[in-house]
Amino acid sequence: MRKIITILLVLSNLGLGAFLILTFVKDRDPISHPFDVNFNMTKKSLLKNGYKTIPEDVPLLGKRIGDTFIYYQFDEEYDIETEPVKVISDGDTVIENWSTEKVSNYRLTNIRWRHCEIRINNPDSTQIEEFIRKYNGYIISDWNMENPRFFVRNKNNNLIYDCSLQKDQEFIDVLAISLFFPKIQAERQIQ
């Protein structure tokens, strides 16, 4: 009887542990849905899911999934150490009022922005509107094919996405969908 009680206690503790892990561990996997995003993602979770560094003037990780290209921009932080420089001229030592800078401890921090480009053959307004409805969105601004920038609200998460029709690097028509992460946007308004 003692063995049975011990086994039941061990199993119940394992079950409780599994429940707690599933309840409190945040899902950090990226979402490929054009009008949805996981705000718990990290650099590590993106790399684990096949995202690669994109050579650009800002830190980006991106991935192509079929006809869709998704990338994320990160905030970056680093330390700068300055050292005064001595300039020797005509045998006399002159100390100038300038220094050299050394960057150290470079790191990516929060995700700042998500951008998604979906290739669309010969886009027209009906095709774009049907695509947006298919993903539970609706256009909340005026737009037309001559002025192809507009805003979309997702019915499920109530987020607003900045959208436009443009050409990608290969001059193929794409629907571009951008979203600044709200916590970063809030921090930006404080500054």
Protein backbone atom coordinates (compact mmCIF):
# COMPACT_ATOMS: atom_id res chain seq x y z
CA MET A 1 0.00 0.00 0.00
CA ARG A 2 2.88 2.37 0.82
CA LYS A 3 4.41 1.78 -2.60
CA ILE A 4 1.13 2.63 -4.29
CA ILE A 5 0.77 5.86 -2.29
CA THR A 6 4.40 6.78 -3.03
CA ILE A 7 3.89 6.12 -6.74
CA LEU A 8 0.68 8.19 -6.75
CA LEU A 9 2.43 11.09 -4.98
CA VAL A 10 5.33 10.99 -7.45
CA LEU A 11 2.94 10.92 -10.42
CA SER A 12 0.83 13.76 -9.03
CA ASN A 13 3.98 15.86 -8.46
CA LEU A 14 5.10 15.16 -12.02
CA GLY A 15 1.65 16.13 -13.28
CA LEU A 16 1.69 19.32 -11.21
CA GLY A 17 5.18 20.14 -12.49
CA ALA A 18 4.13 19.63 -16.10
CA PHE A 19 1.03 21.78 -15.53
CA LEU A 20 3.11 24.59 -14.02
CA ILE A 21 5.64 24.46 -16.84
CA LEU A 22 2.92 24.56 -19.50
CA THR A 23 1.10 27.36 -17.68
CA PHE A 24 3.98 29.67 -16.87
CA VAL A 25 6.48 29.12 -19.68
CA LYS A 26 5.87 31.71 -22.39
CA ASP A 27 5.52 30.61 -25.99
CA ARG A 28 8.36 32.39 -27.78
CA ASP A 29 7.87 30.94 -31.26
CA PRO A 30 7.26 33.39 -34.11
CA ILE A 31 3.92 33.47 -35.91
CA SER A 32 3.85 33.57 -39.72
CA HIS A 33 0.30 35.01 -39.86
CA PRO A 34 0.58 38.43 -41.57
CA PHE A 35 -1.71 40.20 -39.07
CA ASP A 36 -0.67 38.51 -35.83
CA VAL A 37 2.51 38.50 -33.78
CA ASN A 38 3.94 36.88 -30.66
CA PHE A 39 5.25 39.62 -28.37
CA ASN A 40 7.22 37.08 -26.28
CA MET A 41 9.76 36.30 -29.00
CA THR A 42 13.48 36.72 -28.45
CA LYS A 43 16.58 36.67 -30.62
CA LYS A 44 17.21 33.12 -29.41
CA SER A 45 13.70 31.91 -30.34
CA LEU A 46 13.94 33.46 -33.81
CA LEU A 47 17.34 31.84 -34.46
CA LYS A 48 15.97 28.51 -33.19
CA ASN A 49 13.14 28.82 -35.74
CA GLY A 50 15.47 29.34 -38.71
CA TYR A 51 15.68 33.13 -38.88
CA LYS A 52 19.02 34.44 -40.18
CA THR A 53 20.91 37.72 -39.87
CA ILE A 54 20.15 40.14 -42.71
CA PRO A 55 23.03 42.44 -43.68
CA GLU A 56 21.60 45.92 -43.21
CA ASP A 57 22.42 49.13 -41.34
CA VAL A 58 20.16 48.06 -38.45
CA PRO A 59 20.11 44.68 -36.66
CA LEU A 60 17.63 42.39 -38.46
CA LEU A 61 16.72 38.70 -38.38
CA GLY A 62 14.62 37.39 -41.26
CA LYS A 63 13.21 34.31 -42.93
CA ARG A 64 11.47 33.48 -46.21
CA ILE A 65 8.46 31.17 -45.87
CA GLY A 66 7.09 30.40 -49.34
CA ASP A 67 6.04 33.69 -50.96
CA THR A 68 6.37 35.57 -47.65
CA PHE A 69 9.44 37.25 -46.19
CA ILE A 70 9.28 38.20 -42.49
CA TYR A 71 11.93 40.08 -40.57
CA TYR A 72 12.36 41.65 -37.16
CA GLN A 73 14.41 44.67 -36.14
CA PHE A 74 16.06 44.78 -32.72
CA ASP A 75 17.18 47.53 -30.41
CA GLU A 76 20.91 47.42 -29.80
CA GLU A 77 22.95 48.40 -26.78
CA TYR A 78 26.70 48.72 -26.28
CA ASP A 79 29.25 50.37 -24.03
CA ILE A 80 31.62 53.08 -25.28
CA GLU A 81 34.98 53.63 -23.62
CA THR A 82 36.83 56.84 -24.42
CA GLU A 83 40.55 57.45 -24.07
CA PRO A 84 42.25 60.86 -24.35
CA VAL A 85 44.79 61.15 -27.16
CA LYS A 86 48.17 62.87 -26.90
CA VAL A 87 49.54 64.60 -29.98
CA ILE A 88 53.29 65.33 -30.09
CA SER A 89 54.30 68.29 -32.25
CA ASP A 90 57.81 69.82 -32.71
CA GLY A 91 59.19 68.14 -29.59
CA ASP A 92 56.48 69.64 -27.38
CA THR A 93 53.64 67.56 -25.97
CA VAL A 94 50.19 68.97 -26.66
CA ILE A 95 47.10 67.37 -25.16
CA GLU A 96 44.17 67.77 -27.50
CA ASN A 97 40.55 67.86 -26.37
CA TRP A 98 39.47 64.78 -28.30
CA SER A 99 39.52 61.06 -27.72
CA THR A 100 39.24 57.64 -29.33
CA GLU A 101 36.20 55.48 -28.77
CA LYS A 102 36.13 51.74 -28.27
CA VAL A 103 32.81 49.90 -28.52
CA SER A 104 32.39 46.85 -26.29
CA ASN A 105 29.68 44.61 -24.88
CA TYR A 106 27.50 44.84 -28.01
CA ARG A 107 24.10 43.16 -27.58
CA LEU A 108 20.68 43.01 -29.16
CA THR A 109 17.84 43.69 -26.76
CA ASN A 110 14.12 44.08 -27.48
CA ILE A 111 12.39 43.46 -30.76
CA ARG A 112 11.37 46.87 -32.05
CA TRP A 113 9.59 46.19 -35.33
CA ARG A 114 8.14 43.41 -37.49
CA HIS A 115 7.93 43.65 -41.27
CA CYS A 116 6.28 41.15 -43.57
CA GLU A 117 6.37 41.16 -47.40
CA ILE A 118 3.98 38.90 -49.29
CA ARG A 119 4.48 38.49 -53.03
CA ILE A 120 1.31 39.13 -55.03
CA ASN A 121 0.97 38.67 -58.79
CA ASN A 122 -0.72 41.59 -60.55
CA PRO A 123 -2.35 43.07 -57.45
CA ASP A 124 -5.67 44.90 -57.66
CA SER A 125 -7.81 46.45 -54.92
CA THR A 126 -10.30 43.54 -54.80
CA GLN A 127 -7.51 40.98 -54.44
CA ILE A 128 -5.86 42.99 -51.64
CA GLU A 129 -9.14 43.46 -49.74
CA GLU A 130 -9.99 39.74 -50.03
CA PHE A 131 -6.54 38.80 -48.76
CA ILE A 132 -6.91 41.09 -45.74
CA ARG A 133 -10.41 39.74 -44.92
CA LYS A 134 -9.07 36.18 -45.19
CA TYR A 135 -6.74 36.98 -42.27
CA ASN A 136 -9.43 38.65 -40.09
CA GLY A 137 -8.42 42.19 -40.96
CA TYR A 138 -10.19 45.22 -42.32
CA ILE A 139 -8.90 48.41 -43.90
CA ILE A 140 -9.46 51.46 -41.69
CA SER A 141 -8.12 54.19 -43.99
CA ASP A 142 -8.83 55.47 -47.48
CA TRP A 143 -6.66 54.00 -50.19
CA ASN A 144 -6.51 53.19 -53.87
CA MET A 145 -4.01 51.65 -56.26
CA GLU A 146 -2.50 55.08 -57.08
CA ASN A 147 -1.90 55.78 -53.37
CA PRO A 148 -1.30 52.25 -52.10
CA ARG A 149 -0.59 52.96 -48.41
CA PHE A 150 -3.26 52.10 -45.86
CA PHE A 151 -3.86 50.82 -42.34
CA VAL A 152 -5.38 47.48 -41.35
CA ARG A 153 -6.89 46.52 -38.00
CA ASN A 154 -6.92 42.86 -37.00
CA LYS A 155 -10.35 41.84 -35.63
CA ASN A 156 -8.82 39.30 -33.22
CA ASN A 157 -6.01 41.25 -31.57
CA ASN A 158 -7.14 44.82 -32.38
CA LEU A 159 -3.63 45.79 -33.52
CA ILE A 160 -3.18 48.29 -36.36
CA TYR A 161 -0.73 47.46 -39.16
CA ASP A 162 0.87 49.90 -41.59
CA CYS A 163 0.47 48.41 -45.09
CA SER A 164 1.51 49.36 -48.61
CA LEU A 165 1.97 47.91 -52.06
CA GLN A 166 5.55 48.11 -53.31
CA LYS A 167 8.26 46.25 -55.20
CA ASP A 168 10.81 44.00 -53.50
CA GLN A 169 14.54 43.73 -54.39
CA GLU A 170 13.65 41.61 -57.43
CA PHE A 171 11.00 44.15 -58.56
CA ILE A 172 8.14 41.78 -57.73
CA ASP A 173 4.91 43.26 -56.34
CA VAL A 174 4.54 42.74 -52.60
CA LEU A 175 2.06 43.65 -49.91
CA ALA A 176 4.25 45.12 -47.15
CA ILE A 177 2.87 44.86 -43.60
CA SER A 178 4.66 46.57 -40.69
CA LEU A 179 4.07 46.73 -36.96
CA PHE A 180 6.04 48.55 -34.27
CA PHE A 181 5.94 46.59 -31.04
CA PRO A 182 3.66 48.50 -28.62
CA LYS A 183 5.99 48.51 -25.60
CA ILE A 184 8.77 50.02 -27.70
CA GLN A 185 6.33 52.53 -29.20
CA ALA A 186 5.27 53.54 -25.66
CA GLU A 187 8.91 53.99 -24.62
CA ARG A 188 9.52 56.09 -27.72
CA GLN A 189 6.67 58.47 -26.76
CA ILE A 190 8.24 59.06 -23.33
CA GLN A 191 11.53 60.26 -24.82
